[in-house]
Amino acid sequence: MGRDPASTRRHPASASAKAVVARAPAGARGGARHPATCGIPPAFSTEAADLYIGYFENRHGEQWIFTFNRATREARLRGGDAGWASAHPVRDGRVDGLILAPEEAAWLQACWSATRA
């Protein structure tokens, strides 16, 4: 458990990091709390050097995945409550059409800043 579930970024050279799927880490309380109507959580390959992935889970078990494609410079946000199939564009560290809790907005800003470094 000593792992912080608030943000996960896997380095493409890591042999143990092949894919990120929006599921609670082993030992986390209760796992994902999204109803089946939210769809199937996405899976992303971490072997793609041009893809940055950020993962967030709030205290209620609600999950978000931020992706940034370094080749296209496109940032997207997906969340269980928003429907996993919907990839919301992120511009200037913000996403239109979604209401984020303060800690979720802070995490999104941190992901955005990391892709700008």
N, C-alpha and C. Protein backbone atom coordinates (compact mmCIF):
# COMPACT_ATOMS: atom_id res chain seq x y z
N MET A 1 0.80 -1.18 0.00
CA MET A 1 0.00 0.00 0.00
C MET A 1 0.84 1.25 0.00
N GLY A 2 1.99 1.39 0.43
CA GLY A 2 2.73 2.62 0.57
C GLY A 2 2.79 3.47 -0.68
N ARG A 3 2.14 3.09 -1.73
CA ARG A 3 2.16 3.79 -3.00
C ARG A 3 1.09 4.87 -3.04
N ASP A 4 1.43 6.03 -3.56
CA ASP A 4 0.47 7.12 -3.69
C ASP A 4 -0.34 6.92 -4.96
N PRO A 5 -1.66 6.63 -4.84
CA PRO A 5 -2.47 6.40 -6.03
C PRO A 5 -2.84 7.68 -6.76
N ALA A 6 -2.43 8.84 -6.26
CA ALA A 6 -2.84 10.10 -6.86
C ALA A 6 -2.23 10.31 -8.23
N SER A 7 -1.07 9.79 -8.50
CA SER A 7 -0.46 10.03 -9.80
C SER A 7 0.45 8.87 -10.16
N THR A 8 0.31 8.39 -11.35
CA THR A 8 1.15 7.30 -11.83
C THR A 8 1.69 7.68 -13.19
N ARG A 9 2.99 7.68 -13.31
CA ARG A 9 3.61 7.87 -14.61
C ARG A 9 4.65 6.79 -14.76
N ARG A 10 4.55 6.06 -15.81
CA ARG A 10 5.47 4.95 -16.02
C ARG A 10 6.47 5.35 -17.11
N HIS A 11 7.71 5.09 -16.84
CA HIS A 11 8.75 5.39 -17.81
C HIS A 11 8.74 4.32 -18.88
N PRO A 12 8.82 4.71 -20.16
CA PRO A 12 8.74 3.72 -21.24
C PRO A 12 9.83 2.66 -21.18
N ALA A 13 10.94 2.93 -20.53
CA ALA A 13 12.02 1.95 -20.48
C ALA A 13 11.81 0.92 -19.38
N SER A 14 10.81 1.12 -18.53
CA SER A 14 10.58 0.21 -17.42
C SER A 14 10.08 -1.14 -17.93
N ALA A 15 10.81 -2.19 -17.60
CA ALA A 15 10.43 -3.52 -18.07
C ALA A 15 9.13 -3.99 -17.44
N SER A 16 8.83 -3.52 -16.23
CA SER A 16 7.62 -3.98 -15.55
C SER A 16 6.39 -3.17 -15.93
N ALA A 17 6.55 -2.10 -16.67
CA ALA A 17 5.41 -1.23 -17.01
C ALA A 17 5.04 -1.42 -18.47
N LYS A 18 4.02 -2.20 -18.71
CA LYS A 18 3.59 -2.46 -20.08
C LYS A 18 2.29 -1.74 -20.42
N ALA A 19 1.37 -1.67 -19.47
CA ALA A 19 0.09 -1.02 -19.74
C ALA A 19 -0.48 -0.45 -18.46
N VAL A 20 -1.23 0.61 -18.62
CA VAL A 20 -1.95 1.20 -17.50
C VAL A 20 -3.42 1.01 -17.77
N VAL A 21 -4.13 0.44 -16.83
CA VAL A 21 -5.57 0.25 -16.94
C VAL A 21 -6.18 0.88 -15.70
N ALA A 22 -7.30 1.55 -15.85
CA ALA A 22 -7.93 2.23 -14.72
C ALA A 22 -8.59 1.23 -13.79
N ARG A 23 -7.78 0.60 -12.99
CA ARG A 23 -8.26 -0.29 -11.95
C ARG A 23 -7.50 0.06 -10.69
N ALA A 24 -8.14 -0.10 -9.56
CA ALA A 24 -7.48 0.23 -8.30
C ALA A 24 -6.27 -0.67 -8.10
N PRO A 25 -5.17 -0.11 -7.57
CA PRO A 25 -4.00 -0.93 -7.28
C PRO A 25 -4.33 -2.02 -6.27
N ALA A 26 -3.58 -3.10 -6.31
CA ALA A 26 -3.79 -4.20 -5.36
C ALA A 26 -3.72 -3.67 -3.94
N GLY A 27 -4.65 -4.07 -3.12
CA GLY A 27 -4.67 -3.63 -1.74
C GLY A 27 -5.46 -2.36 -1.50
N ALA A 28 -5.87 -1.68 -2.55
CA ALA A 28 -6.65 -0.46 -2.38
C ALA A 28 -8.05 -0.84 -1.90
N ARG A 29 -8.68 0.06 -1.19
CA ARG A 29 -9.99 -0.25 -0.64
C ARG A 29 -11.07 -0.24 -1.71
N GLY A 30 -11.71 -1.37 -1.87
CA GLY A 30 -12.90 -1.45 -2.69
C GLY A 30 -12.76 -1.39 -4.19
N GLY A 31 -11.68 -0.92 -4.72
CA GLY A 31 -11.54 -0.84 -6.16
C GLY A 31 -12.36 0.27 -6.77
N ALA A 32 -12.50 0.24 -8.08
CA ALA A 32 -13.23 1.28 -8.80
C ALA A 32 -14.70 1.25 -8.39
N ARG A 33 -15.29 2.42 -8.30
CA ARG A 33 -16.69 2.51 -7.89
C ARG A 33 -17.57 3.05 -9.00
N HIS A 34 -17.21 2.83 -10.21
CA HIS A 34 -17.99 3.30 -11.34
C HIS A 34 -18.98 2.23 -11.77
N PRO A 35 -20.24 2.62 -12.03
CA PRO A 35 -21.22 1.63 -12.49
C PRO A 35 -20.88 1.13 -13.90
N ALA A 36 -21.43 0.00 -14.26
CA ALA A 36 -21.17 -0.59 -15.57
C ALA A 36 -21.54 0.35 -16.71
N THR A 37 -22.49 1.26 -16.48
CA THR A 37 -22.90 2.19 -17.53
C THR A 37 -21.79 3.16 -17.92
N CYS A 38 -20.74 3.25 -17.11
CA CYS A 38 -19.61 4.13 -17.43
C CYS A 38 -18.73 3.53 -18.53
N GLY A 39 -18.91 2.25 -18.80
CA GLY A 39 -18.12 1.59 -19.84
C GLY A 39 -16.89 0.90 -19.27
N ILE A 40 -16.09 0.41 -20.17
CA ILE A 40 -14.87 -0.32 -19.82
C ILE A 40 -13.72 0.67 -19.71
N PRO A 41 -12.96 0.62 -18.61
CA PRO A 41 -11.81 1.52 -18.48
C PRO A 41 -10.82 1.30 -19.62
N PRO A 42 -10.20 2.38 -20.09
CA PRO A 42 -9.25 2.26 -21.19
C PRO A 42 -7.93 1.63 -20.73
N ALA A 43 -7.21 1.08 -21.66
CA ALA A 43 -5.86 0.56 -21.41
C ALA A 43 -4.93 1.28 -22.37
N PHE A 44 -3.78 1.68 -21.88
CA PHE A 44 -2.79 2.38 -22.69
C PHE A 44 -1.47 1.65 -22.57
N SER A 45 -0.75 1.55 -23.66
CA SER A 45 0.58 0.96 -23.64
C SER A 45 1.57 2.00 -23.13
N THR A 46 2.37 1.60 -22.18
CA THR A 46 3.41 2.51 -21.69
C THR A 46 4.72 2.32 -22.45
N GLU A 47 4.69 1.50 -23.47
CA GLU A 47 5.89 1.31 -24.27
C GLU A 47 6.05 2.41 -25.31
N ALA A 48 5.01 3.19 -25.53
CA ALA A 48 5.08 4.30 -26.49
C ALA A 48 5.79 5.47 -25.82
N ALA A 49 6.97 5.80 -26.31
CA ALA A 49 7.77 6.86 -25.69
C ALA A 49 7.12 8.22 -25.82
N ASP A 50 6.18 8.37 -26.76
CA ASP A 50 5.57 9.68 -26.97
C ASP A 50 4.27 9.87 -26.18
N LEU A 51 3.94 8.94 -25.27
CA LEU A 51 2.70 9.04 -24.51
C LEU A 51 2.98 9.22 -23.01
N TYR A 52 2.51 10.33 -22.47
CA TYR A 52 2.55 10.59 -21.03
C TYR A 52 1.20 10.18 -20.45
N ILE A 53 1.21 9.46 -19.34
CA ILE A 53 -0.02 8.99 -18.71
C ILE A 53 -0.01 9.40 -17.24
N GLY A 54 -1.08 10.05 -16.82
CA GLY A 54 -1.26 10.39 -15.41
C GLY A 54 -2.53 9.73 -14.90
N TYR A 55 -2.50 9.19 -13.69
CA TYR A 55 -3.64 8.48 -13.11
C TYR A 55 -3.99 9.12 -11.77
N PHE A 56 -5.28 9.29 -11.52
CA PHE A 56 -5.75 9.86 -10.26
C PHE A 56 -6.94 9.07 -9.75
N GLU A 57 -6.94 8.83 -8.45
CA GLU A 57 -8.10 8.22 -7.81
C GLU A 57 -8.40 9.02 -6.55
N ASN A 58 -9.63 9.54 -6.45
CA ASN A 58 -9.97 10.33 -5.27
C ASN A 58 -10.39 9.43 -4.11
N ARG A 59 -10.73 10.04 -2.99
CA ARG A 59 -11.03 9.27 -1.78
C ARG A 59 -12.30 8.43 -1.91
N HIS A 60 -13.10 8.69 -2.94
CA HIS A 60 -14.32 7.92 -3.18
C HIS A 60 -14.10 6.78 -4.18
N GLY A 61 -12.87 6.64 -4.66
CA GLY A 61 -12.55 5.59 -5.62
C GLY A 61 -12.83 5.97 -7.06
N GLU A 62 -13.19 7.23 -7.30
CA GLU A 62 -13.45 7.69 -8.67
C GLU A 62 -12.11 7.95 -9.36
N GLN A 63 -12.00 7.49 -10.60
CA GLN A 63 -10.72 7.49 -11.29
C GLN A 63 -10.72 8.40 -12.51
N TRP A 64 -9.54 8.96 -12.78
CA TRP A 64 -9.30 9.80 -13.96
C TRP A 64 -8.00 9.36 -14.61
N ILE A 65 -7.94 9.47 -15.93
CA ILE A 65 -6.69 9.22 -16.65
C ILE A 65 -6.44 10.40 -17.58
N PHE A 66 -5.25 11.00 -17.44
CA PHE A 66 -4.80 12.08 -18.30
C PHE A 66 -3.79 11.49 -19.27
N THR A 67 -3.93 11.79 -20.55
CA THR A 67 -2.93 11.36 -21.53
C THR A 67 -2.47 12.57 -22.33
N PHE A 68 -1.19 12.57 -22.65
CA PHE A 68 -0.61 13.61 -23.49
C PHE A 68 0.25 12.94 -24.54
N ASN A 69 -0.09 13.16 -25.80
CA ASN A 69 0.67 12.60 -26.91
C ASN A 69 1.72 13.63 -27.32
N ARG A 70 2.97 13.32 -27.07
CA ARG A 70 4.05 14.27 -27.37
C ARG A 70 4.19 14.54 -28.87
N ALA A 71 3.83 13.59 -29.70
CA ALA A 71 3.95 13.76 -31.15
C ALA A 71 2.89 14.73 -31.69
N THR A 72 1.66 14.59 -31.21
CA THR A 72 0.57 15.44 -31.71
C THR A 72 0.30 16.64 -30.81
N ARG A 73 0.89 16.63 -29.60
CA ARG A 73 0.68 17.69 -28.59
C ARG A 73 -0.76 17.73 -28.09
N GLU A 74 -1.48 16.63 -28.20
CA GLU A 74 -2.87 16.57 -27.74
C GLU A 74 -2.95 15.99 -26.34
N ALA A 75 -3.71 16.67 -25.49
CA ALA A 75 -3.95 16.20 -24.12
C ALA A 75 -5.43 15.85 -24.00
N ARG A 76 -5.70 14.74 -23.32
CA ARG A 76 -7.07 14.26 -23.14
C ARG A 76 -7.27 13.81 -21.70
N LEU A 77 -8.52 13.93 -21.24
CA LEU A 77 -8.89 13.47 -19.91
C LEU A 77 -10.06 12.52 -20.03
N ARG A 78 -9.92 11.36 -19.39
CA ARG A 78 -11.01 10.37 -19.34
C ARG A 78 -11.29 10.07 -17.88
N GLY A 79 -12.56 9.85 -17.58
CA GLY A 79 -12.94 9.52 -16.21
C GLY A 79 -14.13 8.59 -16.20
N GLY A 80 -14.17 7.73 -15.21
CA GLY A 80 -15.27 6.78 -15.10
C GLY A 80 -16.61 7.46 -15.00
N ASP A 81 -16.72 8.47 -14.14
CA ASP A 81 -18.00 9.15 -13.97
C ASP A 81 -18.42 9.90 -15.23
N ALA A 82 -17.47 10.29 -16.05
CA ALA A 82 -17.76 11.02 -17.28
C ALA A 82 -17.97 10.07 -18.45
N GLY A 83 -17.80 8.77 -18.21
CA GLY A 83 -17.89 7.76 -19.27
C GLY A 83 -16.52 7.54 -19.88
N TRP A 84 -15.99 6.35 -19.69
CA TRP A 84 -14.62 6.07 -20.15
C TRP A 84 -14.41 6.31 -21.64
N ALA A 85 -15.45 6.13 -22.45
CA ALA A 85 -15.29 6.27 -23.90
C ALA A 85 -15.09 7.71 -24.33
N SER A 86 -15.45 8.66 -23.49
CA SER A 86 -15.32 10.08 -23.85
C SER A 86 -13.94 10.60 -23.48
N ALA A 87 -13.21 11.07 -24.49
CA ALA A 87 -11.90 11.67 -24.27
C ALA A 87 -12.07 13.19 -24.37
N HIS A 88 -12.00 13.86 -23.24
CA HIS A 88 -12.23 15.31 -23.19
C HIS A 88 -10.93 16.05 -23.45
N PRO A 89 -10.90 16.96 -24.43
CA PRO A 89 -9.68 17.73 -24.71
C PRO A 89 -9.28 18.59 -23.51
N VAL A 90 -7.99 18.64 -23.25
CA VAL A 90 -7.45 19.50 -22.19
C VAL A 90 -6.69 20.62 -22.86
N ARG A 91 -7.04 21.85 -22.48
CA ARG A 91 -6.37 23.04 -23.04
C ARG A 91 -5.95 23.93 -21.88
N ASP A 92 -4.69 24.30 -21.88
CA ASP A 92 -4.15 25.16 -20.82
C ASP A 92 -4.42 24.58 -19.42
N GLY A 93 -4.40 23.27 -19.31
CA GLY A 93 -4.59 22.62 -18.02
C GLY A 93 -6.02 22.56 -17.54
N ARG A 94 -6.96 22.89 -18.41
CA ARG A 94 -8.38 22.86 -18.05
C ARG A 94 -9.15 22.05 -19.08
N VAL A 95 -10.31 21.58 -18.65
CA VAL A 95 -11.17 20.81 -19.56
C VAL A 95 -12.58 21.39 -19.48
N ASP A 96 -13.14 21.72 -20.63
CA ASP A 96 -14.49 22.27 -20.69
C ASP A 96 -15.52 21.15 -20.53
N GLY A 97 -16.63 21.48 -19.89
CA GLY A 97 -17.74 20.55 -19.81
C GLY A 97 -17.69 19.57 -18.65
N LEU A 98 -16.64 19.61 -17.85
CA LEU A 98 -16.54 18.73 -16.68
C LEU A 98 -16.35 19.58 -15.43
N ILE A 99 -16.97 19.16 -14.36
CA ILE A 99 -16.78 19.81 -13.07
C ILE A 99 -15.86 18.92 -12.25
N LEU A 100 -14.68 19.45 -11.94
CA LEU A 100 -13.70 18.70 -11.17
C LEU A 100 -13.64 19.23 -9.74
N ALA A 101 -13.46 18.33 -8.79
CA ALA A 101 -13.23 18.72 -7.41
C ALA A 101 -11.88 19.43 -7.33
N PRO A 102 -11.66 20.24 -6.31
CA PRO A 102 -10.39 20.97 -6.21
C PRO A 102 -9.15 20.08 -6.31
N GLU A 103 -9.16 18.91 -5.65
CA GLU A 103 -7.99 18.03 -5.72
C GLU A 103 -7.82 17.43 -7.11
N GLU A 104 -8.91 17.19 -7.83
CA GLU A 104 -8.83 16.69 -9.20
C GLU A 104 -8.28 17.76 -10.13
N ALA A 105 -8.73 19.00 -9.95
CA ALA A 105 -8.23 20.11 -10.76
C ALA A 105 -6.75 20.34 -10.50
N ALA A 106 -6.32 20.23 -9.24
CA ALA A 106 -4.90 20.40 -8.91
C ALA A 106 -4.06 19.30 -9.56
N TRP A 107 -4.56 18.06 -9.54
CA TRP A 107 -3.85 16.96 -10.19
C TRP A 107 -3.75 17.20 -11.69
N LEU A 108 -4.85 17.65 -12.31
CA LEU A 108 -4.84 17.91 -13.75
C LEU A 108 -3.81 18.99 -14.08
N GLN A 109 -3.74 20.04 -13.27
CA GLN A 109 -2.74 21.09 -13.47
C GLN A 109 -1.33 20.54 -13.35
N ALA A 110 -1.11 19.63 -12.40
CA ALA A 110 0.21 19.02 -12.23
C ALA A 110 0.58 18.19 -13.47
N CYS A 111 -0.38 17.44 -14.00
CA CYS A 111 -0.12 16.66 -15.23
C CYS A 111 0.22 17.61 -16.38
N TRP A 112 -0.57 18.67 -16.51
CA TRP A 112 -0.35 19.64 -17.59
C TRP A 112 1.04 20.26 -17.47
N SER A 113 1.41 20.65 -16.26
CA SER A 113 2.73 21.25 -16.03
C SER A 113 3.85 20.27 -16.36
N ALA A 114 3.66 19.00 -16.02
CA ALA A 114 4.68 17.99 -16.30
C ALA A 114 4.91 17.82 -17.80
N THR A 115 3.86 17.99 -18.59
CA THR A 115 4.01 17.83 -20.04
C THR A 115 4.61 19.07 -20.68
N ARG A 116 4.66 20.14 -19.97
CA ARG A 116 5.22 21.40 -20.49
C ARG A 116 6.67 21.60 -20.10
N ALA A 117 7.18 20.75 -19.23
CA ALA A 117 8.55 20.91 -18.73
C ALA A 117 9.57 20.58 -19.79
